[in-house]
């Protein structure tokens, strides 16, 4: 039996408080990631300051890990869209069957 109007996005109603908490959590996590990436890029470019060194000590980062972190970010930027496309294809193929 073929489904009409296939929409693979699951929608359910969540409370406003739950959405606000999720939004705050995601914003805080992305700000932390941006801070770590900024610190790594700054050290790669040779920008040294007392605040940046303190940030490295607080976050326990390692200067030689800069390249590894940037490579990991690049790999993830390639893998995530490929996986999303593959998953979308699988979902639409199941709906047509």
C-alpha atoms as a PDB file:
ATOM      1  CA  UNK A   1       0.000   0.000   0.000  1.00  0.00           C
ATOM      2  CA  UNK A   2       1.474   3.337  -1.018  1.00  0.00           C
ATOM      3  CA  UNK A   3       1.375   6.123   1.552  1.00  0.00           C
ATOM      4  CA  UNK A   4       0.065   9.475   0.409  1.00  0.00           C
ATOM      5  CA  UNK A   5       1.701  12.732   1.509  1.00  0.00           C
ATOM      6  CA  UNK A   6       4.748  11.085   3.097  1.00  0.00           C
ATOM      7  CA  UNK A   7       6.423  13.310   5.661  1.00  0.00           C
ATOM      8  CA  UNK A   8       9.321  11.571   7.508  1.00  0.00           C
ATOM      9  CA  UNK A   9       9.566  14.236  10.214  1.00  0.00           C
ATOM     10  CA  UNK A  10       8.044  13.073  13.484  1.00  0.00           C
ATOM     11  CA  UNK A  11       6.087  15.884  15.077  1.00  0.00           C
ATOM     12  CA  UNK A  12       4.854  15.883  18.616  1.00  0.00           C
ATOM     13  CA  UNK A  13       3.922  18.708  20.898  1.00  0.00           C
ATOM     14  CA  UNK A  14       6.399  19.603  23.605  1.00  0.00           C
ATOM     15  CA  UNK A  15       5.890  22.089  26.349  1.00  0.00           C
ATOM     16  CA  UNK A  16       7.239  25.595  26.049  1.00  0.00           C
ATOM     17  CA  UNK A  17       9.437  25.077  29.133  1.00  0.00           C
ATOM     18  CA  UNK A  18      11.001  21.990  27.588  1.00  0.00           C
ATOM     19  CA  UNK A  19      11.767  23.883  24.365  1.00  0.00           C
ATOM     20  CA  UNK A  20      13.322  26.779  26.292  1.00  0.00           C
ATOM     21  CA  UNK A  21      15.514  24.427  28.337  1.00  0.00           C
ATOM     22  CA  UNK A  22      16.645  22.615  25.187  1.00  0.00           C
ATOM     23  CA  UNK A  23      17.391  25.895  23.424  1.00  0.00           C
ATOM     24  CA  UNK A  24      19.450  27.203  26.347  1.00  0.00           C
ATOM     25  CA  UNK A  25      21.359  23.927  26.619  1.00  0.00           C
ATOM     26  CA  UNK A  26      22.147  23.879  22.896  1.00  0.00           C
ATOM     27  CA  UNK A  27      23.234  27.517  22.907  1.00  0.00           C
ATOM     28  CA  UNK A  28      25.554  26.922  25.869  1.00  0.00           C
ATOM     29  CA  UNK A  29      27.047  23.807  24.244  1.00  0.00           C
ATOM     30  CA  UNK A  30      27.618  25.593  20.918  1.00  0.00           C
ATOM     31  CA  UNK A  31      29.206  28.562  22.695  1.00  0.00           C
ATOM     32  CA  UNK A  32      31.576  26.187  24.476  1.00  0.00           C
ATOM     33  CA  UNK A  33      32.481  24.481  21.194  1.00  0.00           C
ATOM     34  CA  UNK A  34      33.025  27.879  19.553  1.00  0.00           C
ATOM     35  CA  UNK A  35      35.268  28.917  22.453  1.00  0.00           C
ATOM     36  CA  UNK A  36      37.417  25.788  22.130  1.00  0.00           C
ATOM     37  CA  UNK A  37      37.664  26.161  18.337  1.00  0.00           C
ATOM     38  CA  UNK A  38      38.539  29.852  18.722  1.00  0.00           C
ATOM     39  CA  UNK A  39      41.275  29.016  21.234  1.00  0.00           C
ATOM     40  CA  UNK A  40      42.745  26.363  18.946  1.00  0.00           C
ATOM     41  CA  UNK A  41      42.676  28.585  15.876  1.00  0.00           C
ATOM     42  CA  UNK A  42      44.204  31.461  17.865  1.00  0.00           C
ATOM     43  CA  UNK A  43      47.128  29.304  18.954  1.00  0.00           C
ATOM     44  CA  UNK A  44      47.537  28.026  15.386  1.00  0.00           C
ATOM     45  CA  UNK A  45      47.813  31.608  14.143  1.00  0.00           C
ATOM     46  CA  UNK A  46      50.244  32.535  16.888  1.00  0.00           C
ATOM     47  CA  UNK A  47      47.954  34.848  18.842  1.00  0.00           C
ATOM     48  CA  UNK A  48      49.095  34.531  22.437  1.00  0.00           C
ATOM     49  CA  UNK A  49      47.678  36.440  25.357  1.00  0.00           C
ATOM     50  CA  UNK A  50      47.321  35.908  29.088  1.00  0.00           C
ATOM     51  CA  UNK A  51      43.606  35.228  28.698  1.00  0.00           C
ATOM     52  CA  UNK A  52      44.185  32.662  25.958  1.00  0.00           C
ATOM     53  CA  UNK A  53      46.842  30.855  27.984  1.00  0.00           C
ATOM     54  CA  UNK A  54      44.500  30.849  30.997  1.00  0.00           C
ATOM     55  CA  UNK A  55      41.747  29.417  28.801  1.00  0.00           C
ATOM     56  CA  UNK A  56      44.083  26.656  27.692  1.00  0.00           C
ATOM     57  CA  UNK A  57      44.929  25.847  31.311  1.00  0.00           C
ATOM     58  CA  UNK A  58      41.284  25.891  32.409  1.00  0.00           C
ATOM     59  CA  UNK A  59      40.109  23.700  29.521  1.00  0.00           C
ATOM     60  CA  UNK A  60      43.215  21.504  29.750  1.00  0.00           C
ATOM     61  CA  UNK A  61      43.810  21.820  26.008  1.00  0.00           C
ATOM     62  CA  UNK A  62      47.015  20.764  24.350  1.00  0.00           C
ATOM     63  CA  UNK A  63      48.637  23.040  21.762  1.00  0.00           C
ATOM     64  CA  UNK A  64      49.708  20.118  19.570  1.00  0.00           C
ATOM     65  CA  UNK A  65      46.090  18.922  19.384  1.00  0.00           C
ATOM     66  CA  UNK A  66      45.102  21.902  17.196  1.00  0.00           C
ATOM     67  CA  UNK A  67      45.543  20.072  13.915  1.00  0.00           C
ATOM     68  CA  UNK A  68      43.836  16.928  15.188  1.00  0.00           C
ATOM     69  CA  UNK A  69      40.812  18.925  16.321  1.00  0.00           C
ATOM     70  CA  UNK A  70      40.560  20.797  13.025  1.00  0.00           C
ATOM     71  CA  UNK A  71      40.858  17.523  11.087  1.00  0.00           C
ATOM     72  CA  UNK A  72      38.099  15.993  13.229  1.00  0.00           C
ATOM     73  CA  UNK A  73      35.829  18.987  12.588  1.00  0.00           C
ATOM     74  CA  UNK A  74      36.497  18.712   8.853  1.00  0.00           C
ATOM     75  CA  UNK A  75      35.719  14.990   8.823  1.00  0.00           C
ATOM     76  CA  UNK A  76      32.473  15.584  10.709  1.00  0.00           C
ATOM     77  CA  UNK A  77      31.522  18.337   8.250  1.00  0.00           C
ATOM     78  CA  UNK A  78      31.799  15.731   5.494  1.00  0.00           C
ATOM     79  CA  UNK A  79      30.244  12.735   7.244  1.00  0.00           C
ATOM     80  CA  UNK A  80      27.114  14.370   8.698  1.00  0.00           C
ATOM     81  CA  UNK A  81      25.608  15.612   5.382  1.00  0.00           C
ATOM     82  CA  UNK A  82      26.401  12.286   3.691  1.00  0.00           C
ATOM     83  CA  UNK A  83      24.672  10.362   6.487  1.00  0.00           C
ATOM     84  CA  UNK A  84      21.672  12.720   6.428  1.00  0.00           C
ATOM     85  CA  UNK A  85      21.291  12.266   2.683  1.00  0.00           C
ATOM     86  CA  UNK A  86      21.573   8.494   2.970  1.00  0.00           C
ATOM     87  CA  UNK A  87      19.027   8.399   5.804  1.00  0.00           C
ATOM     88  CA  UNK A  88      16.613  10.626   3.877  1.00  0.00           C
ATOM     89  CA  UNK A  89      16.920   8.305   0.885  1.00  0.00           C
ATOM     90  CA  UNK A  90      16.192   5.262   3.073  1.00  0.00           C
ATOM     91  CA  UNK A  91      13.127   6.906   4.626  1.00  0.00           C
ATOM     92  CA  UNK A  92      11.654   7.956   1.295  1.00  0.00           C
ATOM     93  CA  UNK A  93      12.364   4.518  -0.191  1.00  0.00           C
ATOM     94  CA  UNK A  94      10.497   2.836   2.693  1.00  0.00           C
ATOM     95  CA  UNK A  95       7.551   5.167   2.210  1.00  0.00           C
ATOM     96  CA  UNK A  96       7.254   4.300  -1.479  1.00  0.00           C
ATOM     97  CA  UNK A  97       7.201   0.565  -0.785  1.00  0.00           C
END
